[in-house]
Amino acid sequence: MNKVLGLILVICFSLIIVGCGAPEQEQTFAPSTAPVTVSEKTIPTAEQAEIKPAEPEKWLLDSKITTVIDKADSVTSVEYDYYKFVKGASSKESMHALLKGTKMKQKLPRRAGTFTKETDYDTIYIDMSQKTATAYCESVKTCNDITNKVELNYDSLLLDSPLDLLKTITDAKLVGSEMREGYDAIKLEDIYNGKNRRIWLYTYTGLPSRYEYYDPETTEVLGAVEYLNYITNRVKDSDFVPLQP
């Protein structure tokens, strides 16, 4: 019995020695000597870090707008009354205009006053392809000299035709519809040459009824142009022949 007990004690003592064994060797990690690289994309340049101004709001032309504008493609000639208002001006500018192709005729209102040979005229014949303008005084009742003929500076003329206006509408939003001079019209808003602008287009012809520039903060109108009393596709080539040679 004593032998058995002794044998058990020997076995247990041996197991304790094996289990406790030598301690594990401590692991050490040497720092890497390889160079650390950083992608250039992770570090913005001064230009990239610069805060850029927000882009102005852009609107794609709605199909309801382009459908109306496209109707003006059928207009080969147009006759209309023109009125221009500018804030602070003492009066409106006005004229009766005829337009066909590159030819325009402007009939100016005859006002009371004293006229020199250079200012005594009431009708201007304009060739936009040649950039020429010749003025005559054609009213027998009001002209001092119906044979008067004056060559004008083309660049100083007020051309501003309704068809030219349509070409400037490239980025606008539809904001509503209204009646203009008894006809249906759509109302647009855009920013043109840095100015806030509203435009009304007749839905039947696609021609503009009015456009205006306004202050976006106060909505005050700063200037406006109206095209009234349209007659389309009835202007003749003979309308651009002066009454005198």
Protein backbone atom coordinates (compact mmCIF):
# COMPACT_ATOMS: atom_id res chain seq x y z
CA MET A 1 0.00 0.00 0.00
CA ASN A 2 2.81 2.31 0.89
CA LYS A 3 4.47 1.49 -2.42
CA VAL A 4 1.37 2.39 -4.37
CA LEU A 5 1.00 5.69 -2.54
CA GLY A 6 4.61 6.51 -3.16
CA LEU A 7 4.29 5.72 -6.88
CA ILE A 8 1.31 8.09 -7.15
CA LEU A 9 3.23 10.90 -5.47
CA VAL A 10 6.16 10.43 -7.85
CA ILE A 11 3.88 10.61 -10.91
CA CYS A 12 2.13 13.79 -9.64
CA PHE A 13 5.44 15.50 -8.91
CA SER A 14 6.67 14.70 -12.43
CA LEU A 15 3.55 16.19 -14.04
CA ILE A 16 3.94 19.40 -12.06
CA ILE A 17 7.54 19.82 -13.27
CA VAL A 18 6.58 19.22 -16.93
CA GLY A 19 3.55 21.58 -16.81
CA CYS A 20 5.47 24.41 -15.27
CA GLY A 21 8.37 23.98 -17.68
CA ALA A 22 10.61 26.87 -18.76
CA PRO A 23 8.80 30.19 -19.38
CA GLU A 24 8.04 31.16 -22.97
CA GLN A 25 10.57 33.46 -24.60
CA GLU A 26 9.31 37.07 -24.85
CA GLN A 27 8.66 38.21 -28.44
CA THR A 28 10.01 41.56 -29.58
CA PHE A 29 9.11 43.53 -32.74
CA ALA A 30 11.70 45.74 -34.36
CA PRO A 31 10.34 48.87 -36.11
CA SER A 32 10.23 48.67 -39.94
CA THR A 33 12.95 50.54 -41.74
CA ALA A 34 10.97 50.71 -45.03
CA PRO A 35 10.01 54.30 -46.03
CA VAL A 36 6.39 55.29 -45.43
CA THR A 37 4.66 56.57 -48.58
CA VAL A 38 1.50 58.64 -48.63
CA SER A 39 -0.65 58.92 -51.74
CA GLU A 40 -0.80 62.47 -53.12
CA LYS A 41 -4.56 62.11 -53.44
CA THR A 42 -4.90 62.02 -49.65
CA ILE A 43 -3.37 65.49 -49.28
CA PRO A 44 -5.31 68.23 -51.13
CA THR A 45 -3.31 70.93 -52.81
CA ALA A 46 -3.87 74.58 -51.96
CA GLU A 47 -6.05 74.93 -55.06
CA GLN A 48 -8.10 71.87 -54.11
CA ALA A 49 -8.52 73.08 -50.55
CA GLU A 50 -9.75 76.49 -51.70
CA ILE A 51 -13.48 77.01 -51.21
CA LYS A 52 -15.06 77.65 -54.59
CA PRO A 53 -18.20 79.78 -55.01
CA ALA A 54 -21.43 77.96 -55.65
CA GLU A 55 -22.45 77.60 -59.28
CA PRO A 56 -25.56 79.60 -60.27
CA GLU A 57 -28.78 77.64 -60.38
CA LYS A 58 -29.40 75.99 -63.73
CA TRP A 59 -32.70 74.93 -65.21
CA LEU A 60 -33.19 72.75 -68.22
CA LEU A 61 -35.85 74.09 -70.57
CA ASP A 62 -39.06 72.27 -69.81
CA SER A 63 -40.80 70.67 -72.79
CA LYS A 64 -43.73 73.01 -72.15
CA ILE A 65 -41.37 75.92 -72.82
CA THR A 66 -39.69 74.51 -75.91
CA THR A 67 -43.05 73.54 -77.39
CA VAL A 68 -44.17 77.16 -77.21
CA ILE A 69 -40.87 78.63 -78.46
CA ASP A 70 -40.79 76.22 -81.41
CA LYS A 71 -44.07 77.69 -82.68
CA ALA A 72 -42.19 80.88 -83.57
CA ASP A 73 -40.28 78.90 -86.22
CA SER A 74 -43.31 79.35 -88.49
CA VAL A 75 -43.05 83.15 -88.25
CA THR A 76 -41.32 84.41 -91.40
CA SER A 77 -42.13 88.07 -90.86
CA VAL A 78 -43.67 90.16 -88.13
CA GLU A 79 -45.06 93.65 -87.55
CA TYR A 80 -45.51 95.01 -84.03
CA ASP A 81 -45.53 97.99 -81.68
CA TYR A 82 -42.52 98.31 -79.39
CA TYR A 83 -42.35 100.03 -75.99
CA LYS A 84 -39.35 100.23 -73.68
CA PHE A 85 -39.36 101.40 -70.08
CA VAL A 86 -36.27 102.02 -67.92
CA LYS A 87 -36.45 102.97 -64.25
CA GLY A 88 -35.59 106.63 -63.81
CA ALA A 89 -36.25 107.56 -67.46
CA SER A 90 -38.65 110.43 -68.06
CA SER A 91 -40.52 108.65 -70.85
CA LYS A 92 -40.86 105.38 -72.72
CA GLU A 93 -39.14 104.64 -76.00
CA SER A 94 -41.55 103.48 -78.67
CA MET A 95 -41.78 102.64 -82.35
CA HIS A 96 -43.71 100.62 -84.90
CA ALA A 97 -41.51 97.95 -86.45
CA LEU A 98 -41.58 95.59 -89.42
CA LEU A 99 -39.18 92.65 -89.62
CA LYS A 100 -38.49 90.12 -92.36
CA GLY A 101 -35.26 88.17 -92.69
CA THR A 102 -32.37 90.57 -92.21
CA LYS A 103 -34.43 93.66 -93.03
CA MET A 104 -36.09 95.89 -90.44
CA LYS A 105 -38.11 99.06 -90.77
CA GLN A 106 -38.71 101.34 -87.79
CA LYS A 107 -41.36 104.04 -87.84
CA LEU A 108 -40.71 106.51 -85.03
CA PRO A 109 -43.30 108.69 -83.31
CA ARG A 110 -43.10 112.28 -84.51
CA ARG A 111 -42.72 114.63 -81.55
CA ALA A 112 -42.96 118.39 -81.45
CA GLY A 113 -39.68 120.22 -81.55
CA THR A 114 -37.05 121.81 -83.71
CA PHE A 115 -35.17 119.46 -85.99
CA THR A 116 -31.87 119.79 -87.78
CA LYS A 117 -31.11 118.02 -91.04
CA GLU A 118 -29.45 115.24 -89.01
CA THR A 119 -32.50 114.71 -86.76
CA ASP A 120 -35.34 115.41 -89.18
CA TYR A 121 -36.51 111.84 -89.90
CA ASP A 122 -39.28 109.47 -88.84
CA THR A 123 -38.49 106.19 -90.61
CA ILE A 124 -35.36 104.04 -90.50
CA TYR A 125 -34.54 101.29 -93.01
CA ILE A 126 -32.08 98.76 -91.59
CA ASP A 127 -30.11 96.01 -93.31
CA MET A 128 -28.77 93.76 -90.55
CA SER A 129 -26.68 91.67 -92.92
CA GLN A 130 -24.85 94.75 -94.20
CA LYS A 131 -25.09 96.60 -90.87
CA THR A 132 -26.38 99.74 -92.50
CA ALA A 133 -29.18 102.11 -91.51
CA THR A 134 -30.66 104.95 -93.54
CA ALA A 135 -33.28 107.34 -92.19
CA TYR A 136 -35.89 109.36 -94.09
CA CYS A 137 -38.66 111.75 -93.20
CA GLU A 138 -41.69 110.28 -94.94
CA SER A 139 -44.65 112.04 -93.33
CA VAL A 140 -45.89 114.81 -95.61
CA LYS A 141 -47.83 116.39 -92.72
CA THR A 142 -45.02 116.64 -90.18
CA CYS A 143 -41.70 116.54 -92.04
CA ASN A 144 -39.86 119.76 -92.77
CA ASP A 145 -38.18 118.18 -95.79
CA ILE A 146 -39.51 114.91 -97.20
CA THR A 147 -36.40 114.60 -99.35
CA ASN A 148 -34.15 114.45 -96.28
CA LYS A 149 -31.90 111.37 -96.04
CA VAL A 150 -29.57 110.59 -93.12
CA GLU A 151 -27.04 107.77 -92.75
CA LEU A 152 -27.11 106.52 -89.15
CA ASN A 153 -24.62 104.67 -86.99
CA TYR A 154 -25.80 101.05 -87.09
CA ASP A 155 -24.30 100.19 -83.69
CA SER A 156 -26.32 102.91 -81.97
CA LEU A 157 -29.69 101.58 -83.12
CA LEU A 158 -32.28 99.88 -80.93
CA LEU A 159 -32.84 96.54 -82.69
CA ASP A 160 -34.09 94.36 -79.80
CA SER A 161 -36.54 92.33 -81.93
CA PRO A 162 -38.87 89.64 -80.52
CA LEU A 163 -37.11 86.95 -82.56
CA ASP A 164 -33.75 88.02 -81.14
CA LEU A 165 -35.16 87.74 -77.64
CA LEU A 166 -36.20 84.12 -78.21
CA LYS A 167 -32.59 83.22 -79.04
CA THR A 168 -31.51 84.34 -75.56
CA ILE A 169 -33.82 81.88 -73.78
CA THR A 170 -31.52 78.91 -73.23
CA ASP A 171 -31.91 78.25 -69.51
CA ALA A 172 -35.20 79.22 -67.86
CA LYS A 173 -37.88 77.85 -65.59
CA LEU A 174 -41.65 77.93 -66.08
CA VAL A 175 -43.32 79.79 -63.20
CA GLY A 176 -46.91 80.15 -64.38
CA SER A 177 -49.33 81.30 -67.04
CA GLU A 178 -51.29 84.53 -67.53
CA MET A 179 -53.53 86.35 -69.98
CA ARG A 180 -51.68 89.00 -71.98
CA GLU A 181 -53.67 91.36 -74.19
CA GLY A 182 -56.50 88.82 -74.14
CA TYR A 183 -54.31 85.86 -75.15
CA ASP A 184 -52.85 82.96 -73.18
CA ALA A 185 -49.18 83.29 -72.29
CA ILE A 186 -46.65 81.36 -70.22
CA LYS A 187 -44.42 83.14 -67.72
CA LEU A 188 -40.72 82.29 -67.41
CA GLU A 189 -37.87 83.35 -65.17
CA ASP A 190 -34.15 83.19 -65.88
CA ILE A 191 -30.88 85.00 -65.29
CA TYR A 192 -29.49 86.75 -68.35
CA ASN A 193 -26.18 88.65 -68.34
CA GLY A 194 -26.21 88.43 -64.55
CA LYS A 195 -29.68 90.02 -64.24
CA ASN A 196 -32.91 88.43 -63.04
CA ARG A 197 -35.42 88.41 -65.87
CA ARG A 198 -39.08 87.52 -66.42
CA ILE A 199 -40.49 86.71 -69.87
CA TRP A 200 -44.04 86.21 -71.13
CA LEU A 201 -44.55 84.18 -74.32
CA TYR A 202 -47.81 83.87 -76.24
CA THR A 203 -48.72 80.18 -76.35
CA TYR A 204 -50.30 80.48 -79.81
CA THR A 205 -47.36 82.00 -81.71
CA GLY A 206 -44.40 81.54 -79.36
CA LEU A 207 -43.63 85.25 -79.67
CA PRO A 208 -42.83 87.31 -76.56
CA SER A 209 -45.38 89.69 -75.10
CA ARG A 210 -43.09 91.26 -72.52
CA TYR A 211 -39.82 90.87 -70.70
CA GLU A 212 -38.53 92.71 -67.67
CA TYR A 213 -35.51 92.89 -65.39
CA TYR A 214 -36.17 93.05 -61.66
CA ASP A 215 -34.48 93.25 -58.28
CA PRO A 216 -34.65 89.74 -56.76
CA GLU A 217 -34.79 91.13 -53.20
CA THR A 218 -37.49 93.78 -53.64
CA THR A 219 -39.03 92.42 -56.91
CA GLU A 220 -38.99 96.02 -58.17
CA VAL A 221 -39.01 96.24 -61.96
CA LEU A 222 -35.85 97.94 -63.22
CA GLY A 223 -36.70 97.94 -66.91
CA ALA A 224 -39.16 96.34 -69.31
CA VAL A 225 -39.96 95.89 -72.99
CA GLU A 226 -43.39 95.14 -74.45
CA TYR A 227 -44.26 93.86 -77.93
CA LEU A 228 -47.89 94.59 -78.80
CA ASN A 229 -50.34 94.30 -81.70
CA TYR A 230 -48.53 91.57 -83.63
CA ILE A 231 -49.26 90.91 -87.29
CA THR A 232 -47.40 87.83 -88.51
CA ASN A 233 -46.36 86.67 -91.98
CA ARG A 234 -47.82 89.64 -93.86
CA VAL A 235 -44.79 91.89 -94.25
CA LYS A 236 -43.77 92.28 -97.91
CA ASP A 237 -40.37 92.95 -99.46
CA SER A 238 -41.78 96.18 -100.87
CA ASP A 239 -42.29 97.44 -97.30
CA PHE A 240 -38.52 97.94 -97.11
CA VAL A 241 -38.31 100.20 -100.15
CA PRO A 242 -38.14 103.89 -99.12
CA LEU A 243 -40.83 106.19 -100.42
CA GLN A 244 -38.06 108.24 -102.00
CA PRO A 245 -34.98 106.86 -103.76
